[in-house]
Amino acid sequence: MKSQVYIISALVFALLIAVFAVINVEPVSVNYLFVTTDSPLIIVILSSALFGSLMTGGFSIYHLIKLRKHMRLLEKENRNLKTNQVFQSHIEADEIDEIELIEE
């Protein structure tokens, strides 16, 4: 059922984009730094949206990589702390045994 909803919503979205493309076919001048070109408005809009989504995805991937690296460091620190805690508890148990022996 979930896949059917996904397919229907994708078809509706594609239909809306097709209608939007047919409506916005008039040429517009796009001024780059050294060159000016005439392109259909829909191409300009879609390429801008595509470039924006690629930039957003790139920044998200970069942030995700940084977070994973930080998570690995924290997991390593956590393992070290657990190891030290177990070692420390063994030392404390030995010290308690020594104190009990001295008191006896």
N, C-alpha and C. Protein backbone atom coordinates (compact mmCIF):
# COMPACT_ATOMS: atom_id res chain seq x y z
N MET A 1 0.82 -1.19 0.00
CA MET A 1 0.00 0.00 0.00
C MET A 1 0.87 1.25 0.00
N LYS A 2 1.94 1.19 0.78
CA LYS A 2 2.82 2.34 0.88
C LYS A 2 3.48 2.66 -0.46
N SER A 3 3.86 1.61 -1.21
CA SER A 3 4.50 1.84 -2.50
C SER A 3 3.51 2.41 -3.51
N GLN A 4 2.24 2.04 -3.42
CA GLN A 4 1.24 2.59 -4.32
C GLN A 4 1.04 4.08 -4.07
N VAL A 5 1.03 4.48 -2.82
CA VAL A 5 0.91 5.90 -2.49
C VAL A 5 2.12 6.66 -3.01
N TYR A 6 3.30 6.05 -2.88
CA TYR A 6 4.52 6.69 -3.38
C TYR A 6 4.46 6.86 -4.90
N ILE A 7 4.01 5.84 -5.62
CA ILE A 7 3.94 5.92 -7.08
C ILE A 7 2.91 6.96 -7.52
N ILE A 8 1.77 6.97 -6.88
CA ILE A 8 0.73 7.95 -7.24
C ILE A 8 1.20 9.37 -6.95
N SER A 9 1.83 9.58 -5.81
CA SER A 9 2.32 10.94 -5.51
C SER A 9 3.44 11.34 -6.46
N ALA A 10 4.28 10.41 -6.88
CA ALA A 10 5.34 10.72 -7.85
C ALA A 10 4.73 11.09 -9.20
N LEU A 11 3.67 10.38 -9.61
CA LEU A 11 3.01 10.70 -10.88
C LEU A 11 2.34 12.07 -10.83
N VAL A 12 1.70 12.39 -9.72
CA VAL A 12 1.07 13.71 -9.57
C VAL A 12 2.13 14.80 -9.61
N PHE A 13 3.24 14.57 -8.93
CA PHE A 13 4.33 15.55 -8.93
C PHE A 13 4.90 15.73 -10.33
N ALA A 14 5.08 14.63 -11.07
CA ALA A 14 5.58 14.71 -12.45
C ALA A 14 4.59 15.46 -13.34
N LEU A 15 3.30 15.23 -13.14
CA LEU A 15 2.28 15.95 -13.91
C LEU A 15 2.33 17.44 -13.63
N LEU A 16 2.48 17.81 -12.36
CA LEU A 16 2.58 19.23 -12.01
C LEU A 16 3.82 19.88 -12.64
N ILE A 17 4.93 19.17 -12.65
CA ILE A 17 6.14 19.71 -13.28
C ILE A 17 5.94 19.85 -14.78
N ALA A 18 5.28 18.89 -15.41
CA ALA A 18 5.02 18.97 -16.85
C ALA A 18 4.14 20.17 -17.17
N VAL A 19 3.10 20.40 -16.39
CA VAL A 19 2.23 21.56 -16.60
C VAL A 19 3.02 22.84 -16.39
N PHE A 20 3.83 22.88 -15.36
CA PHE A 20 4.67 24.05 -15.07
C PHE A 20 5.64 24.31 -16.22
N ALA A 21 6.19 23.24 -16.80
CA ALA A 21 7.13 23.39 -17.92
C ALA A 21 6.44 23.93 -19.16
N VAL A 22 5.22 23.47 -19.43
CA VAL A 22 4.49 23.95 -20.61
C VAL A 22 4.11 25.41 -20.46
N ILE A 23 3.79 25.83 -19.26
CA ILE A 23 3.39 27.23 -19.02
C ILE A 23 4.59 28.16 -19.14
N ASN A 24 5.76 27.75 -18.68
CA ASN A 24 6.94 28.62 -18.62
C ASN A 24 7.96 28.28 -19.69
N VAL A 25 7.58 28.48 -20.95
CA VAL A 25 8.51 28.19 -22.04
C VAL A 25 9.12 29.45 -22.65
N GLU A 26 8.70 30.64 -22.21
CA GLU A 26 9.25 31.85 -22.80
C GLU A 26 10.73 31.97 -22.45
N PRO A 27 11.52 32.46 -23.41
CA PRO A 27 12.96 32.57 -23.17
C PRO A 27 13.28 33.75 -22.24
N VAL A 28 14.28 33.55 -21.42
CA VAL A 28 14.78 34.61 -20.54
C VAL A 28 16.28 34.72 -20.74
N SER A 29 16.80 35.93 -20.53
CA SER A 29 18.25 36.14 -20.65
C SER A 29 18.90 35.82 -19.31
N VAL A 30 19.90 34.98 -19.38
CA VAL A 30 20.67 34.63 -18.18
C VAL A 30 22.06 35.22 -18.38
N ASN A 31 22.44 36.11 -17.47
CA ASN A 31 23.73 36.78 -17.57
C ASN A 31 24.72 36.09 -16.64
N TYR A 32 25.65 35.36 -17.24
CA TYR A 32 26.77 34.81 -16.49
C TYR A 32 27.83 35.90 -16.41
N LEU A 33 28.96 35.63 -15.83
CA LEU A 33 29.97 36.67 -15.67
C LEU A 33 30.41 37.26 -17.00
N PHE A 34 30.70 36.42 -17.97
CA PHE A 34 31.23 36.91 -19.24
C PHE A 34 30.33 36.61 -20.43
N VAL A 35 29.28 35.84 -20.23
CA VAL A 35 28.43 35.41 -21.34
C VAL A 35 26.97 35.61 -20.96
N THR A 36 26.15 35.99 -21.94
CA THR A 36 24.71 36.09 -21.76
C THR A 36 24.05 35.10 -22.71
N THR A 37 23.14 34.27 -22.17
CA THR A 37 22.44 33.30 -23.01
C THR A 37 20.94 33.45 -22.81
N ASP A 38 20.20 33.01 -23.81
CA ASP A 38 18.74 32.95 -23.73
C ASP A 38 18.35 31.49 -23.54
N SER A 39 17.59 31.23 -22.49
CA SER A 39 17.14 29.87 -22.18
C SER A 39 15.68 29.92 -21.77
N PRO A 40 14.96 28.82 -21.96
CA PRO A 40 13.58 28.77 -21.47
C PRO A 40 13.56 28.91 -19.95
N LEU A 41 12.54 29.57 -19.46
CA LEU A 41 12.44 29.83 -18.02
C LEU A 41 12.42 28.54 -17.21
N ILE A 42 11.77 27.51 -17.70
CA ILE A 42 11.69 26.25 -16.95
C ILE A 42 13.06 25.63 -16.78
N ILE A 43 13.92 25.76 -17.80
CA ILE A 43 15.29 25.22 -17.70
C ILE A 43 16.06 25.96 -16.62
N VAL A 44 15.89 27.27 -16.59
CA VAL A 44 16.58 28.08 -15.58
C VAL A 44 16.10 27.71 -14.18
N ILE A 45 14.79 27.57 -14.02
CA ILE A 45 14.23 27.24 -12.71
C ILE A 45 14.65 25.84 -12.27
N LEU A 46 14.53 24.85 -13.16
CA LEU A 46 14.88 23.48 -12.79
C LEU A 46 16.38 23.32 -12.54
N SER A 47 17.20 23.98 -13.34
CA SER A 47 18.65 23.86 -13.11
C SER A 47 19.04 24.54 -11.79
N SER A 48 18.39 25.65 -11.47
CA SER A 48 18.66 26.30 -10.18
C SER A 48 18.24 25.41 -9.02
N ALA A 49 17.08 24.78 -9.14
CA ALA A 49 16.61 23.88 -8.08
C ALA A 49 17.53 22.66 -7.96
N LEU A 50 17.95 22.12 -9.10
CA LEU A 50 18.85 20.97 -9.08
C LEU A 50 20.19 21.33 -8.44
N PHE A 51 20.75 22.48 -8.82
CA PHE A 51 22.02 22.91 -8.25
C PHE A 51 21.88 23.15 -6.74
N GLY A 52 20.77 23.75 -6.33
CA GLY A 52 20.54 23.98 -4.91
C GLY A 52 20.42 22.68 -4.13
N SER A 53 19.72 21.71 -4.69
CA SER A 53 19.59 20.43 -4.00
C SER A 53 20.91 19.68 -3.95
N LEU A 54 21.72 19.79 -5.01
CA LEU A 54 23.05 19.16 -4.98
C LEU A 54 23.94 19.81 -3.93
N MET A 55 23.87 21.12 -3.82
CA MET A 55 24.66 21.82 -2.80
C MET A 55 24.21 21.41 -1.40
N THR A 56 22.91 21.36 -1.19
CA THR A 56 22.37 20.96 0.11
C THR A 56 22.78 19.53 0.44
N GLY A 57 22.67 18.64 -0.53
CA GLY A 57 23.09 17.25 -0.32
C GLY A 57 24.57 17.14 -0.01
N GLY A 58 25.38 17.92 -0.71
CA GLY A 58 26.83 17.89 -0.45
C GLY A 58 27.16 18.35 0.95
N PHE A 59 26.54 19.44 1.39
CA PHE A 59 26.78 19.91 2.75
C PHE A 59 26.27 18.91 3.79
N SER A 60 25.15 18.27 3.49
CA SER A 60 24.61 17.27 4.42
C SER A 60 25.54 16.07 4.54
N ILE A 61 26.09 15.63 3.42
CA ILE A 61 27.03 14.50 3.45
C ILE A 61 28.28 14.87 4.22
N TYR A 62 28.79 16.08 4.01
CA TYR A 62 29.97 16.54 4.75
C TYR A 62 29.69 16.55 6.25
N HIS A 63 28.53 17.08 6.63
CA HIS A 63 28.16 17.13 8.05
C HIS A 63 28.00 15.72 8.62
N LEU A 64 27.42 14.81 7.84
CA LEU A 64 27.23 13.43 8.27
C LEU A 64 28.58 12.75 8.50
N ILE A 65 29.54 12.99 7.62
CA ILE A 65 30.88 12.40 7.77
C ILE A 65 31.53 12.91 9.05
N LYS A 66 31.41 14.22 9.31
CA LYS A 66 31.98 14.79 10.54
C LYS A 66 31.33 14.17 11.77
N LEU A 67 30.01 14.00 11.74
CA LEU A 67 29.31 13.42 12.89
C LEU A 67 29.71 11.97 13.12
N ARG A 68 29.87 11.20 12.05
CA ARG A 68 30.29 9.80 12.20
C ARG A 68 31.69 9.71 12.78
N LYS A 69 32.58 10.59 12.33
CA LYS A 69 33.94 10.60 12.87
C LYS A 69 33.91 10.93 14.36
N HIS A 70 33.11 11.92 14.72
CA HIS A 70 32.99 12.31 16.13
C HIS A 70 32.39 11.16 16.95
N MET A 71 31.41 10.47 16.38
CA MET A 71 30.78 9.35 17.07
C MET A 71 31.78 8.22 17.30
N ARG A 72 32.63 7.93 16.30
CA ARG A 72 33.65 6.89 16.48
C ARG A 72 34.62 7.26 17.60
N LEU A 73 35.01 8.54 17.66
CA LEU A 73 35.90 8.98 18.73
C LEU A 73 35.24 8.83 20.10
N LEU A 74 33.96 9.20 20.18
CA LEU A 74 33.24 9.06 21.46
C LEU A 74 33.07 7.60 21.86
N GLU A 75 32.80 6.72 20.88
CA GLU A 75 32.68 5.30 21.18
C GLU A 75 34.00 4.73 21.69
N LYS A 76 35.10 5.16 21.07
CA LYS A 76 36.42 4.71 21.52
C LYS A 76 36.69 5.19 22.94
N GLU A 77 36.36 6.45 23.21
CA GLU A 77 36.54 6.99 24.56
C GLU A 77 35.67 6.24 25.56
N ASN A 78 34.45 5.91 25.17
CA ASN A 78 33.54 5.17 26.04
C ASN A 78 34.11 3.78 26.36
N ARG A 79 34.64 3.09 25.35
CA ARG A 79 35.25 1.78 25.59
C ARG A 79 36.43 1.90 26.55
N ASN A 80 37.26 2.94 26.34
CA ASN A 80 38.41 3.13 27.23
C ASN A 80 37.95 3.41 28.66
N LEU A 81 36.92 4.21 28.81
CA LEU A 81 36.41 4.51 30.15
C LEU A 81 35.84 3.27 30.82
N LYS A 82 35.13 2.44 30.05
CA LYS A 82 34.59 1.21 30.62
C LYS A 82 35.71 0.27 31.05
N THR A 83 36.75 0.17 30.23
CA THR A 83 37.90 -0.67 30.57
C THR A 83 38.57 -0.16 31.83
N ASN A 84 38.77 1.15 31.91
CA ASN A 84 39.40 1.74 33.10
C ASN A 84 38.52 1.57 34.33
N GLN A 85 37.20 1.64 34.14
CA GLN A 85 36.28 1.49 35.27
C GLN A 85 36.36 0.06 35.81
N VAL A 86 36.40 -0.92 34.93
CA VAL A 86 36.52 -2.32 35.37
C VAL A 86 37.84 -2.52 36.08
N PHE A 87 38.91 -1.97 35.51
CA PHE A 87 40.23 -2.07 36.13
C PHE A 87 40.24 -1.39 37.49
N GLN A 88 39.61 -0.21 37.56
CA GLN A 88 39.55 0.55 38.81
C GLN A 88 38.75 -0.21 39.86
N SER A 89 37.66 -0.86 39.46
CA SER A 89 36.85 -1.61 40.43
C SER A 89 37.63 -2.81 40.96
N HIS A 90 38.47 -3.44 40.14
CA HIS A 90 39.31 -4.54 40.62
C HIS A 90 40.33 -4.03 41.63
N ILE A 91 40.90 -2.87 41.35
CA ILE A 91 41.87 -2.29 42.28
C ILE A 91 41.19 -1.97 43.60
N GLU A 92 39.99 -1.37 43.55
CA GLU A 92 39.28 -1.02 44.78
C GLU A 92 38.91 -2.27 45.57
N ALA A 93 38.53 -3.33 44.89
CA ALA A 93 38.20 -4.58 45.57
C ALA A 93 39.43 -5.15 46.26
N ASP A 94 40.58 -5.09 45.60
CA ASP A 94 41.82 -5.56 46.22
C ASP A 94 42.19 -4.71 47.43
N GLU A 95 42.00 -3.39 47.33
CA GLU A 95 42.30 -2.50 48.45
C GLU A 95 41.39 -2.80 49.64
N ILE A 96 40.12 -3.08 49.37
CA ILE A 96 39.17 -3.40 50.45
C ILE A 96 39.59 -4.70 51.12
N ASP A 97 40.02 -5.69 50.33
CA ASP A 97 40.48 -6.96 50.90
C ASP A 97 41.70 -6.73 51.78
N GLU A 98 42.62 -5.87 51.34
CA GLU A 98 43.82 -5.57 52.12
C GLU A 98 43.45 -4.88 53.43
N ILE A 99 42.51 -3.95 53.37
CA ILE A 99 42.08 -3.24 54.58
C ILE A 99 41.45 -4.22 55.56
N GLU A 100 40.63 -5.14 55.06
CA GLU A 100 40.00 -6.13 55.93
C GLU A 100 41.05 -7.04 56.56
N LEU A 101 42.09 -7.39 55.80
CA LEU A 101 43.14 -8.23 56.35
C LEU A 101 43.92 -7.50 57.43
N ILE A 102 44.15 -6.20 57.21
CA ILE A 102 44.89 -5.41 58.19
C ILE A 102 44.07 -5.28 59.46
N GLU A 103 42.78 -5.07 59.36
CA GLU A 103 41.92 -4.89 60.53
C GLU A 103 41.82 -6.17 61.33
N GLU A 104 41.94 -7.29 60.69
CA GLU A 104 41.80 -8.56 61.41
C GLU A 104 43.05 -8.79 62.16
